[in-house]
Amino acid sequence: HLGWKRTTTYTVIKRLSDKGYLKNE
């Protein structure tokens, strides 16, 4: 959907988790 590489997705997951938007457990 966004044309992102795997590493980009994991970076965004980490950042959104740090900001309190997501939980990655």
mmCIF file of all heavy atoms, coordinates in Angstrom:
data_MODEL
# 
_entry.id   MODEL 
# 
loop_
_atom_site.group_PDB 
_atom_site.id 
_atom_site.type_symbol 
_atom_site.label_atom_id 
_atom_site.label_alt_id 
_atom_site.label_comp_id 
_atom_site.label_asym_id 
_atom_site.label_entity_id 
_atom_site.label_seq_id 
_atom_site.pdbx_PDB_ins_code 
_atom_site.Cartn_x 
_atom_site.Cartn_y 
_atom_site.Cartn_z 
_atom_site.occupancy 
_atom_site.B_iso_or_equiv 
_atom_site.pdbx_formal_charge 
_atom_site.auth_seq_id 
_atom_site.auth_comp_id 
_atom_site.auth_asym_id 
_atom_site.auth_atom_id 
_atom_site.pdbx_PDB_model_num 
ATOM 1   N N   . HIS A 1 1  ? 0.796  -1.233 0.000  1.00 0.00 ? 1  HIS A N   1 
ATOM 2   C CA  . HIS A 1 1  ? 0.000  0.000  0.000  1.00 0.00 ? 1  HIS A CA  1 
ATOM 3   C C   . HIS A 1 1  ? 0.826  1.280  0.000  1.00 0.00 ? 1  HIS A C   1 
ATOM 4   O O   . HIS A 1 1  ? 0.362  2.306  -0.506 1.00 0.00 ? 1  HIS A O   1 
ATOM 5   C CB  . HIS A 1 1  ? -0.944 0.024  1.208  1.00 0.00 ? 1  HIS A CB  1 
ATOM 6   C CG  . HIS A 1 1  ? -1.995 -1.032 1.147  1.00 0.00 ? 1  HIS A CG  1 
ATOM 7   N ND1 . HIS A 1 1  ? -3.141 -0.906 0.391  1.00 0.00 ? 1  HIS A ND1 1 
ATOM 8   C CD2 . HIS A 1 1  ? -2.071 -2.253 1.732  1.00 0.00 ? 1  HIS A CD2 1 
ATOM 9   C CE1 . HIS A 1 1  ? -3.870 -1.998 0.526  1.00 0.00 ? 1  HIS A CE1 1 
ATOM 10  N NE2 . HIS A 1 1  ? -3.248 -2.830 1.336  1.00 0.00 ? 1  HIS A NE2 1 
ATOM 11  N N   . LEU A 1 2  ? 2.020  1.230  0.590  1.00 0.00 ? 2  LEU A N   1 
ATOM 12  C CA  . LEU A 1 2  ? 2.810  2.444  0.744  1.00 0.00 ? 2  LEU A CA  1 
ATOM 13  C C   . LEU A 1 2  ? 4.149  2.396  0.014  1.00 0.00 ? 2  LEU A C   1 
ATOM 14  O O   . LEU A 1 2  ? 4.850  3.400  -0.044 1.00 0.00 ? 2  LEU A O   1 
ATOM 15  C CB  . LEU A 1 2  ? 3.056  2.728  2.236  1.00 0.00 ? 2  LEU A CB  1 
ATOM 16  C CG  . LEU A 1 2  ? 1.811  2.817  3.116  1.00 0.00 ? 2  LEU A CG  1 
ATOM 17  C CD1 . LEU A 1 2  ? 2.200  2.916  4.583  1.00 0.00 ? 2  LEU A CD1 1 
ATOM 18  C CD2 . LEU A 1 2  ? 0.967  4.002  2.704  1.00 0.00 ? 2  LEU A CD2 1 
ATOM 19  N N   . GLY A 1 3  ? 4.520  1.213  -0.477 1.00 0.00 ? 3  GLY A N   1 
ATOM 20  C CA  . GLY A 1 3  ? 5.803  1.069  -1.159 1.00 0.00 ? 3  GLY A CA  1 
ATOM 21  C C   . GLY A 1 3  ? 6.998  1.072  -0.215 1.00 0.00 ? 3  GLY A C   1 
ATOM 22  O O   . GLY A 1 3  ? 8.124  1.343  -0.631 1.00 0.00 ? 3  GLY A O   1 
ATOM 23  N N   . TRP A 1 4  ? 6.761  0.742  1.065  1.00 0.00 ? 4  TRP A N   1 
ATOM 24  C CA  . TRP A 1 4  ? 7.827  0.773  2.061  1.00 0.00 ? 4  TRP A CA  1 
ATOM 25  C C   . TRP A 1 4  ? 8.618  -0.517 2.061  1.00 0.00 ? 4  TRP A C   1 
ATOM 26  O O   . TRP A 1 4  ? 8.082  -1.601 1.824  1.00 0.00 ? 4  TRP A O   1 
ATOM 27  C CB  . TRP A 1 4  ? 7.262  0.962  3.456  1.00 0.00 ? 4  TRP A CB  1 
ATOM 28  C CG  . TRP A 1 4  ? 6.715  2.322  3.734  1.00 0.00 ? 4  TRP A CG  1 
ATOM 29  C CD1 . TRP A 1 4  ? 6.690  3.387  2.899  1.00 0.00 ? 4  TRP A CD1 1 
ATOM 30  C CD2 . TRP A 1 4  ? 6.096  2.742  4.934  1.00 0.00 ? 4  TRP A CD2 1 
ATOM 31  N NE1 . TRP A 1 4  ? 6.095  4.455  3.518  1.00 0.00 ? 4  TRP A NE1 1 
ATOM 32  C CE2 . TRP A 1 4  ? 5.719  4.082  4.770  1.00 0.00 ? 4  TRP A CE2 1 
ATOM 33  C CE3 . TRP A 1 4  ? 5.815  2.112  6.137  1.00 0.00 ? 4  TRP A CE3 1 
ATOM 34  C CZ2 . TRP A 1 4  ? 5.092  4.811  5.773  1.00 0.00 ? 4  TRP A CZ2 1 
ATOM 35  C CZ3 . TRP A 1 4  ? 5.178  2.832  7.134  1.00 0.00 ? 4  TRP A CZ3 1 
ATOM 36  C CH2 . TRP A 1 4  ? 4.828  4.176  6.955  1.00 0.00 ? 4  TRP A CH2 1 
ATOM 37  N N   . LYS A 1 5  ? 9.903  -0.401 2.405  1.00 0.00 ? 5  LYS A N   1 
ATOM 38  C CA  . LYS A 1 5  ? 10.748 -1.572 2.640  1.00 0.00 ? 5  LYS A CA  1 
ATOM 39  C C   . LYS A 1 5  ? 10.487 -2.069 4.060  1.00 0.00 ? 5  LYS A C   1 
ATOM 40  O O   . LYS A 1 5  ? 9.963  -1.339 4.908  1.00 0.00 ? 5  LYS A O   1 
ATOM 41  C CB  . LYS A 1 5  ? 12.218 -1.208 2.476  1.00 0.00 ? 5  LYS A CB  1 
ATOM 42  C CG  . LYS A 1 5  ? 12.563 -0.830 1.057  1.00 0.00 ? 5  LYS A CG  1 
ATOM 43  C CD  . LYS A 1 5  ? 14.019 -0.540 0.911  1.00 0.00 ? 5  LYS A CD  1 
ATOM 44  C CE  . LYS A 1 5  ? 14.291 -0.162 -0.541 1.00 0.00 ? 5  LYS A CE  1 
ATOM 45  N NZ  . LYS A 1 5  ? 15.688 0.105  -0.775 1.00 0.00 ? 5  LYS A NZ  1 
ATOM 46  N N   . ARG A 1 6  ? 10.878 -3.295 4.308  1.00 0.00 ? 6  ARG A N   1 
ATOM 47  C CA  . ARG A 1 6  ? 10.675 -3.911 5.618  1.00 0.00 ? 6  ARG A CA  1 
ATOM 48  C C   . ARG A 1 6  ? 11.299 -3.074 6.732  1.00 0.00 ? 6  ARG A C   1 
ATOM 49  O O   . ARG A 1 6  ? 10.679 -2.835 7.773  1.00 0.00 ? 6  ARG A O   1 
ATOM 50  C CB  . ARG A 1 6  ? 11.263 -5.330 5.610  1.00 0.00 ? 6  ARG A CB  1 
ATOM 51  C CG  . ARG A 1 6  ? 11.100 -6.083 6.911  1.00 0.00 ? 6  ARG A CG  1 
ATOM 52  C CD  . ARG A 1 6  ? 11.783 -7.439 6.856  1.00 0.00 ? 6  ARG A CD  1 
ATOM 53  N NE  . ARG A 1 6  ? 13.178 -7.371 6.447  1.00 0.00 ? 6  ARG A NE  1 
ATOM 54  C CZ  . ARG A 1 6  ? 14.193 -7.060 7.260  1.00 0.00 ? 6  ARG A CZ  1 
ATOM 55  N NH1 . ARG A 1 6  ? 13.967 -6.785 8.522  1.00 0.00 ? 6  ARG A NH1 1 
ATOM 56  N NH2 . ARG A 1 6  ? 15.427 -7.012 6.806  1.00 0.00 ? 6  ARG A NH2 1 
ATOM 57  N N   . THR A 1 7  ? 12.509 -2.591 6.510  1.00 0.00 ? 7  THR A N   1 
ATOM 58  C CA  . THR A 1 7  ? 13.192 -1.817 7.548  1.00 0.00 ? 7  THR A CA  1 
ATOM 59  C C   . THR A 1 7  ? 12.457 -0.519 7.864  1.00 0.00 ? 7  THR A C   1 
ATOM 60  O O   . THR A 1 7  ? 12.401 -0.101 9.025  1.00 0.00 ? 7  THR A O   1 
ATOM 61  C CB  . THR A 1 7  ? 14.640 -1.513 7.139  1.00 0.00 ? 7  THR A CB  1 
ATOM 62  O OG1 . THR A 1 7  ? 14.632 -0.883 5.849  1.00 0.00 ? 7  THR A OG1 1 
ATOM 63  C CG2 . THR A 1 7  ? 15.481 -2.776 7.087  1.00 0.00 ? 7  THR A CG2 1 
ATOM 64  N N   . THR A 1 8  ? 11.869 0.102  6.864  1.00 0.00 ? 8  THR A N   1 
ATOM 65  C CA  . THR A 1 8  ? 11.096 1.328  7.082  1.00 0.00 ? 8  THR A CA  1 
ATOM 66  C C   . THR A 1 8  ? 9.893  1.031  7.955  1.00 0.00 ? 8  THR A C   1 
ATOM 67  O O   . THR A 1 8  ? 9.587  1.774  8.898  1.00 0.00 ? 8  THR A O   1 
ATOM 68  C CB  . THR A 1 8  ? 10.643 1.933  5.736  1.00 0.00 ? 8  THR A CB  1 
ATOM 69  O OG1 . THR A 1 8  ? 11.786 2.209  4.947  1.00 0.00 ? 8  THR A OG1 1 
ATOM 70  C CG2 . THR A 1 8  ? 9.821  3.191  5.943  1.00 0.00 ? 8  THR A CG2 1 
ATOM 71  N N   . THR A 1 9  ? 9.215  -0.063 7.654  1.00 0.00 ? 9  THR A N   1 
ATOM 72  C CA  . THR A 1 9  ? 8.032  -0.433 8.436  1.00 0.00 ? 9  THR A CA  1 
ATOM 73  C C   . THR A 1 9  ? 8.398  -0.674 9.893  1.00 0.00 ? 9  THR A C   1 
ATOM 74  O O   . THR A 1 9  ? 7.709  -0.187 10.795 1.00 0.00 ? 9  THR A O   1 
ATOM 75  C CB  . THR A 1 9  ? 7.359  -1.682 7.840  1.00 0.00 ? 9  THR A CB  1 
ATOM 76  O OG1 . THR A 1 9  ? 7.029  -1.406 6.478  1.00 0.00 ? 9  THR A OG1 1 
ATOM 77  C CG2 . THR A 1 9  ? 6.101  -2.049 8.608  1.00 0.00 ? 9  THR A CG2 1 
ATOM 78  N N   . TYR A 1 10 ? 9.476  -1.401 10.150 1.00 0.00 ? 10 TYR A N   1 
ATOM 79  C CA  . TYR A 1 10 ? 9.875  -1.660 11.531 1.00 0.00 ? 10 TYR A CA  1 
ATOM 80  C C   . TYR A 1 10 ? 10.275 -0.369 12.246 1.00 0.00 ? 10 TYR A C   1 
ATOM 81  O O   . TYR A 1 10 ? 9.996  -0.202 13.437 1.00 0.00 ? 10 TYR A O   1 
ATOM 82  C CB  . TYR A 1 10 ? 10.999 -2.693 11.594 1.00 0.00 ? 10 TYR A CB  1 
ATOM 83  C CG  . TYR A 1 10 ? 10.494 -4.098 11.395 1.00 0.00 ? 10 TYR A CG  1 
ATOM 84  C CD1 . TYR A 1 10 ? 10.898 -4.858 10.308 1.00 0.00 ? 10 TYR A CD1 1 
ATOM 85  C CD2 . TYR A 1 10 ? 9.597  -4.671 12.292 1.00 0.00 ? 10 TYR A CD2 1 
ATOM 86  C CE1 . TYR A 1 10 ? 10.423 -6.148 10.112 1.00 0.00 ? 10 TYR A CE1 1 
ATOM 87  C CE2 . TYR A 1 10 ? 9.114  -5.960 12.111 1.00 0.00 ? 10 TYR A CE2 1 
ATOM 88  C CZ  . TYR A 1 10 ? 9.535  -6.691 11.026 1.00 0.00 ? 10 TYR A CZ  1 
ATOM 89  O OH  . TYR A 1 10 ? 9.058  -7.955 10.842 1.00 0.00 ? 10 TYR A OH  1 
ATOM 90  N N   . THR A 1 11 ? 10.886 0.566  11.536 1.00 0.00 ? 11 THR A N   1 
ATOM 91  C CA  . THR A 1 11 ? 11.238 1.852  12.128 1.00 0.00 ? 11 THR A CA  1 
ATOM 92  C C   . THR A 1 11 ? 9.980  2.617  12.520 1.00 0.00 ? 11 THR A C   1 
ATOM 93  O O   . THR A 1 11 ? 9.887  3.178  13.618 1.00 0.00 ? 11 THR A O   1 
ATOM 94  C CB  . THR A 1 11 ? 12.087 2.687  11.151 1.00 0.00 ? 11 THR A CB  1 
ATOM 95  O OG1 . THR A 1 11 ? 13.296 1.987  10.872 1.00 0.00 ? 11 THR A OG1 1 
ATOM 96  C CG2 . THR A 1 11 ? 12.393 4.063  11.719 1.00 0.00 ? 11 THR A CG2 1 
ATOM 97  N N   . VAL A 1 12 ? 8.988  2.626  11.638 1.00 0.00 ? 12 VAL A N   1 
ATOM 98  C CA  . VAL A 1 12 ? 7.734  3.337  11.925 1.00 0.00 ? 12 VAL A CA  1 
ATOM 99  C C   . VAL A 1 12 ? 6.992  2.658  13.081 1.00 0.00 ? 12 VAL A C   1 
ATOM 100 O O   . VAL A 1 12 ? 6.456  3.339  13.954 1.00 0.00 ? 12 VAL A O   1 
ATOM 101 C CB  . VAL A 1 12 ? 6.861  3.441  10.659 1.00 0.00 ? 12 VAL A CB  1 
ATOM 102 C CG1 . VAL A 1 12 ? 5.481  3.991  10.981 1.00 0.00 ? 12 VAL A CG1 1 
ATOM 103 C CG2 . VAL A 1 12 ? 7.546  4.319  9.620  1.00 0.00 ? 12 VAL A CG2 1 
ATOM 104 N N   . ILE A 1 13 ? 6.966  1.335  13.110 1.00 0.00 ? 13 ILE A N   1 
ATOM 105 C CA  . ILE A 1 13 ? 6.346  0.616  14.229 1.00 0.00 ? 13 ILE A CA  1 
ATOM 106 C C   . ILE A 1 13 ? 7.007  1.042  15.542 1.00 0.00 ? 13 ILE A C   1 
ATOM 107 O O   . ILE A 1 13 ? 6.330  1.341  16.525 1.00 0.00 ? 13 ILE A O   1 
ATOM 108 C CB  . ILE A 1 13 ? 6.439  -0.912 14.046 1.00 0.00 ? 13 ILE A CB  1 
ATOM 109 C CG1 . ILE A 1 13 ? 5.538  -1.378 12.899 1.00 0.00 ? 13 ILE A CG1 1 
ATOM 110 C CG2 . ILE A 1 13 ? 6.070  -1.635 15.345 1.00 0.00 ? 13 ILE A CG2 1 
ATOM 111 C CD1 . ILE A 1 13 ? 5.750  -2.839 12.508 1.00 0.00 ? 13 ILE A CD1 1 
ATOM 112 N N   . LYS A 1 14 ? 8.309  1.092  15.557 1.00 0.00 ? 14 LYS A N   1 
ATOM 113 C CA  . LYS A 1 14 ? 9.059  1.476  16.761 1.00 0.00 ? 14 LYS A CA  1 
ATOM 114 C C   . LYS A 1 14 ? 8.713  2.903  17.177 1.00 0.00 ? 14 LYS A C   1 
ATOM 115 O O   . LYS A 1 14 ? 8.439  3.176  18.346 1.00 0.00 ? 14 LYS A O   1 
ATOM 116 C CB  . LYS A 1 14 ? 10.560 1.338  16.494 1.00 0.00 ? 14 LYS A CB  1 
ATOM 117 C CG  . LYS A 1 14 ? 11.457 1.915  17.556 1.00 0.00 ? 14 LYS A CG  1 
ATOM 118 C CD  . LYS A 1 14 ? 11.610 0.982  18.724 1.00 0.00 ? 14 LYS A CD  1 
ATOM 119 C CE  . LYS A 1 14 ? 12.702 1.462  19.653 1.00 0.00 ? 14 LYS A CE  1 
ATOM 120 N NZ  . LYS A 1 14 ? 12.192 2.013  20.887 1.00 0.00 ? 14 LYS A NZ  1 
ATOM 121 N N   . ARG A 1 15 ? 8.714  3.821  16.220 1.00 0.00 ? 15 ARG A N   1 
ATOM 122 C CA  . ARG A 1 15 ? 8.434  5.224  16.540 1.00 0.00 ? 15 ARG A CA  1 
ATOM 123 C C   . ARG A 1 15 ? 7.001  5.423  17.037 1.00 0.00 ? 15 ARG A C   1 
ATOM 124 O O   . ARG A 1 15 ? 6.761  6.163  17.989 1.00 0.00 ? 15 ARG A O   1 
ATOM 125 C CB  . ARG A 1 15 ? 8.701  6.113  15.333 1.00 0.00 ? 15 ARG A CB  1 
ATOM 126 C CG  . ARG A 1 15 ? 10.182 6.250  15.049 1.00 0.00 ? 15 ARG A CG  1 
ATOM 127 C CD  . ARG A 1 15 ? 10.447 7.150  13.888 1.00 0.00 ? 15 ARG A CD  1 
ATOM 128 N NE  . ARG A 1 15 ? 11.879 7.224  13.646 1.00 0.00 ? 15 ARG A NE  1 
ATOM 129 C CZ  . ARG A 1 15 ? 12.418 7.771  12.582 1.00 0.00 ? 15 ARG A CZ  1 
ATOM 130 N NH1 . ARG A 1 15 ? 11.644 8.298  11.642 1.00 0.00 ? 15 ARG A NH1 1 
ATOM 131 N NH2 . ARG A 1 15 ? 13.727 7.801  12.437 1.00 0.00 ? 15 ARG A NH2 1 
ATOM 132 N N   . LEU A 1 16 ? 6.047  4.767  16.379 1.00 0.00 ? 16 LEU A N   1 
ATOM 133 C CA  . LEU A 1 16 ? 4.655  4.891  16.813 1.00 0.00 ? 16 LEU A CA  1 
ATOM 134 C C   . LEU A 1 16 ? 4.439  4.229  18.172 1.00 0.00 ? 16 LEU A C   1 
ATOM 135 O O   . LEU A 1 16 ? 3.615  4.684  18.967 1.00 0.00 ? 16 LEU A O   1 
ATOM 136 C CB  . LEU A 1 16 ? 3.706  4.323  15.765 1.00 0.00 ? 16 LEU A CB  1 
ATOM 137 C CG  . LEU A 1 16 ? 3.597  5.131  14.466 1.00 0.00 ? 16 LEU A CG  1 
ATOM 138 C CD1 . LEU A 1 16 ? 2.707  4.411  13.463 1.00 0.00 ? 16 LEU A CD1 1 
ATOM 139 C CD2 . LEU A 1 16 ? 3.086  6.539  14.726 1.00 0.00 ? 16 LEU A CD2 1 
ATOM 140 N N   . SER A 1 17 ? 5.174  3.172  18.449 1.00 0.00 ? 17 SER A N   1 
ATOM 141 C CA  . SER A 1 17 ? 5.110  2.528  19.766 1.00 0.00 ? 17 SER A CA  1 
ATOM 142 C C   . SER A 1 17 ? 5.672  3.458  20.833 1.00 0.00 ? 17 SER A C   1 
ATOM 143 O O   . SER A 1 17 ? 5.091  3.600  21.910 1.00 0.00 ? 17 SER A O   1 
ATOM 144 C CB  . SER A 1 17 ? 5.892  1.216  19.765 1.00 0.00 ? 17 SER A CB  1 
ATOM 145 O OG  . SER A 1 17 ? 5.284  0.282  18.913 1.00 0.00 ? 17 SER A OG  1 
ATOM 146 N N   . ASP A 1 18 ? 6.797  4.103  20.525 1.00 0.00 ? 18 ASP A N   1 
ATOM 147 C CA  . ASP A 1 18 ? 7.413  5.034  21.477 1.00 0.00 ? 18 ASP A CA  1 
ATOM 148 C C   . ASP A 1 18 ? 6.505  6.225  21.781 1.00 0.00 ? 18 ASP A C   1 
ATOM 149 O O   . ASP A 1 18 ? 6.530  6.760  22.879 1.00 0.00 ? 18 ASP A O   1 
ATOM 150 C CB  . ASP A 1 18 ? 8.758  5.542  20.942 1.00 0.00 ? 18 ASP A CB  1 
ATOM 151 C CG  . ASP A 1 18 ? 9.831  4.460  20.932 1.00 0.00 ? 18 ASP A CG  1 
ATOM 152 O OD1 . ASP A 1 18 ? 9.641  3.396  21.555 1.00 0.00 ? 18 ASP A OD1 1 
ATOM 153 O OD2 . ASP A 1 18 ? 10.870 4.682  20.276 1.00 0.00 ? 18 ASP A OD2 1 
ATOM 154 N N   . LYS A 1 19 ? 5.696  6.621  20.806 1.00 0.00 ? 19 LYS A N   1 
ATOM 155 C CA  . LYS A 1 19 ? 4.784  7.753  20.985 1.00 0.00 ? 19 LYS A CA  1 
ATOM 156 C C   . LYS A 1 19 ? 3.459  7.345  21.636 1.00 0.00 ? 19 LYS A C   1 
ATOM 157 O O   . LYS A 1 19 ? 2.619  8.190  21.917 1.00 0.00 ? 19 LYS A O   1 
ATOM 158 C CB  . LYS A 1 19 ? 4.490  8.421  19.640 1.00 0.00 ? 19 LYS A CB  1 
ATOM 159 C CG  . LYS A 1 19 ? 5.686  9.155  19.080 1.00 0.00 ? 19 LYS A CG  1 
ATOM 160 C CD  . LYS A 1 19 ? 5.349  9.803  17.760 1.00 0.00 ? 19 LYS A CD  1 
ATOM 161 C CE  . LYS A 1 19 ? 6.573  10.540 17.224 1.00 0.00 ? 19 LYS A CE  1 
ATOM 162 N NZ  . LYS A 1 19 ? 6.239  11.296 16.008 1.00 0.00 ? 19 LYS A NZ  1 
ATOM 163 N N   . GLY A 1 20 ? 3.266  6.044  21.832 1.00 0.00 ? 20 GLY A N   1 
ATOM 164 C CA  . GLY A 1 20 ? 2.062  5.580  22.501 1.00 0.00 ? 20 GLY A CA  1 
ATOM 165 C C   . GLY A 1 20 ? 0.885  5.296  21.583 1.00 0.00 ? 20 GLY A C   1 
ATOM 166 O O   . GLY A 1 20 ? -0.235 5.144  22.042 1.00 0.00 ? 20 GLY A O   1 
ATOM 167 N N   . TYR A 1 21 ? 1.126  5.215  20.285 1.00 0.00 ? 21 TYR A N   1 
ATOM 168 C CA  . TYR A 1 21 ? 0.067  4.901  19.333 1.00 0.00 ? 21 TYR A CA  1 
ATOM 169 C C   . TYR A 1 21 ? -0.140 3.401  19.175 1.00 0.00 ? 21 TYR A C   1 
ATOM 170 O O   . TYR A 1 21 ? -1.247 2.945  18.950 1.00 0.00 ? 21 TYR A O   1 
ATOM 171 C CB  . TYR A 1 21 ? 0.394  5.460  17.940 1.00 0.00 ? 21 TYR A CB  1 
ATOM 172 C CG  . TYR A 1 21 ? 0.207  6.930  17.783 1.00 0.00 ? 21 TYR A CG  1 
ATOM 173 C CD1 . TYR A 1 21 ? 1.284  7.802  17.845 1.00 0.00 ? 21 TYR A CD1 1 
ATOM 174 C CD2 . TYR A 1 21 ? -1.051 7.466  17.536 1.00 0.00 ? 21 TYR A CD2 1 
ATOM 175 C CE1 . TYR A 1 21 ? 1.125  9.152  17.678 1.00 0.00 ? 21 TYR A CE1 1 
ATOM 176 C CE2 . TYR A 1 21 ? -1.229 8.824  17.368 1.00 0.00 ? 21 TYR A CE2 1 
ATOM 177 C CZ  . TYR A 1 21 ? -0.132 9.665  17.438 1.00 0.00 ? 21 TYR A CZ  1 
ATOM 178 O OH  . TYR A 1 21 ? -0.299 11.009 17.269 1.00 0.00 ? 21 TYR A OH  1 
ATOM 179 N N   . LEU A 1 22 ? 0.946  2.639  19.224 1.00 0.00 ? 22 LEU A N   1 
ATOM 180 C CA  . LEU A 1 22 ? 0.898  1.199  18.962 1.00 0.00 ? 22 LEU A CA  1 
ATOM 181 C C   . LEU A 1 22 ? 1.482  0.412  20.113 1.00 0.00 ? 22 LEU A C   1 
ATOM 182 O O   . LEU A 1 22 ? 2.299  0.918  20.883 1.00 0.00 ? 22 LEU A O   1 
ATOM 183 C CB  . LEU A 1 22 ? 1.719  0.838  17.712 1.00 0.00 ? 22 LEU A CB  1 
ATOM 184 C CG  . LEU A 1 22 ? 1.318  1.413  16.380 1.00 0.00 ? 22 LEU A CG  1 
ATOM 185 C CD1 . LEU A 1 22 ? 2.296  0.937  15.303 1.00 0.00 ? 22 LEU A CD1 1 
ATOM 186 C CD2 . LEU A 1 22 ? -0.087 1.030  16.016 1.00 0.00 ? 22 LEU A CD2 1 
ATOM 187 N N   . LYS A 1 23 ? 1.083  -0.856 20.165 1.00 0.00 ? 23 LYS A N   1 
ATOM 188 C CA  . LYS A 1 23 ? 1.712  -1.826 21.057 1.00 0.00 ? 23 LYS A CA  1 
ATOM 189 C C   . LYS A 1 23 ? 2.215  -2.946 20.159 1.00 0.00 ? 23 LYS A C   1 
ATOM 190 O O   . LYS A 1 23 ? 1.470  -3.470 19.327 1.00 0.00 ? 23 LYS A O   1 
ATOM 191 C CB  . LYS A 1 23 ? 0.698  -2.361 22.068 1.00 0.00 ? 23 LYS A CB  1 
ATOM 192 C CG  . LYS A 1 23 ? 1.276  -3.434 22.964 1.00 0.00 ? 23 LYS A CG  1 
ATOM 193 C CD  . LYS A 1 23 ? 0.307  -3.835 24.051 1.00 0.00 ? 23 LYS A CD  1 
ATOM 194 C CE  . LYS A 1 23 ? -0.809 -4.660 23.470 1.00 0.00 ? 23 LYS A CE  1 
ATOM 195 N NZ  . LYS A 1 23 ? -1.655 -5.302 24.462 1.00 0.00 ? 23 LYS A NZ  1 
ATOM 196 N N   . ASN A 1 24 ? 3.488  -3.286 20.292 1.00 0.00 ? 24 ASN A N   1 
ATOM 197 C CA  . ASN A 1 24 ? 4.088  -4.369 19.529 1.00 0.00 ? 24 ASN A CA  1 
ATOM 198 C C   . ASN A 1 24 ? 4.592  -5.395 20.535 1.00 0.00 ? 24 ASN A C   1 
ATOM 199 O O   . ASN A 1 24 ? 5.659  -5.244 21.110 1.00 0.00 ? 24 ASN A O   1 
ATOM 200 C CB  . ASN A 1 24 ? 5.233  -3.846 18.663 1.00 0.00 ? 24 ASN A CB  1 
ATOM 201 C CG  . ASN A 1 24 ? 5.820  -4.915 17.766 1.00 0.00 ? 24 ASN A CG  1 
ATOM 202 O OD1 . ASN A 1 24 ? 5.264  -5.989 17.617 1.00 0.00 ? 24 ASN A OD1 1 
ATOM 203 N ND2 . ASN A 1 24 ? 6.950  -4.619 17.159 1.00 0.00 ? 24 ASN A ND2 1 
ATOM 204 N N   . GLU A 1 25 ? 3.779  -6.409 20.747 1.00 0.00 ? 25 GLU A N   1 
ATOM 205 C CA  . GLU A 1 25 ? 4.087  -7.408 21.764 1.00 0.00 ? 25 GLU A CA  1 
ATOM 206 C C   . GLU A 1 25 ? 4.067  -8.786 21.127 1.00 0.00 ? 25 GLU A C   1 
ATOM 207 O O   . GLU A 1 25 ? 3.077  -9.159 20.494 1.00 0.00 ? 25 GLU A O   1 
ATOM 208 C CB  . GLU A 1 25 ? 3.049  -7.309 22.876 1.00 0.00 ? 25 GLU A CB  1 
ATOM 209 C CG  . GLU A 1 25 ? 3.422  -7.984 24.153 1.00 0.00 ? 25 GLU A CG  1 
ATOM 210 C CD  . GLU A 1 25 ? 2.456  -7.587 25.251 1.00 0.00 ? 25 GLU A CD  1 
ATOM 211 O OE1 . GLU A 1 25 ? 1.360  -8.182 25.305 1.00 0.00 ? 25 GLU A OE1 1 
ATOM 212 O OE2 . GLU A 1 25 ? 2.794  -6.686 26.024 1.00 0.00 ? 25 GLU A OE2 1 
# 
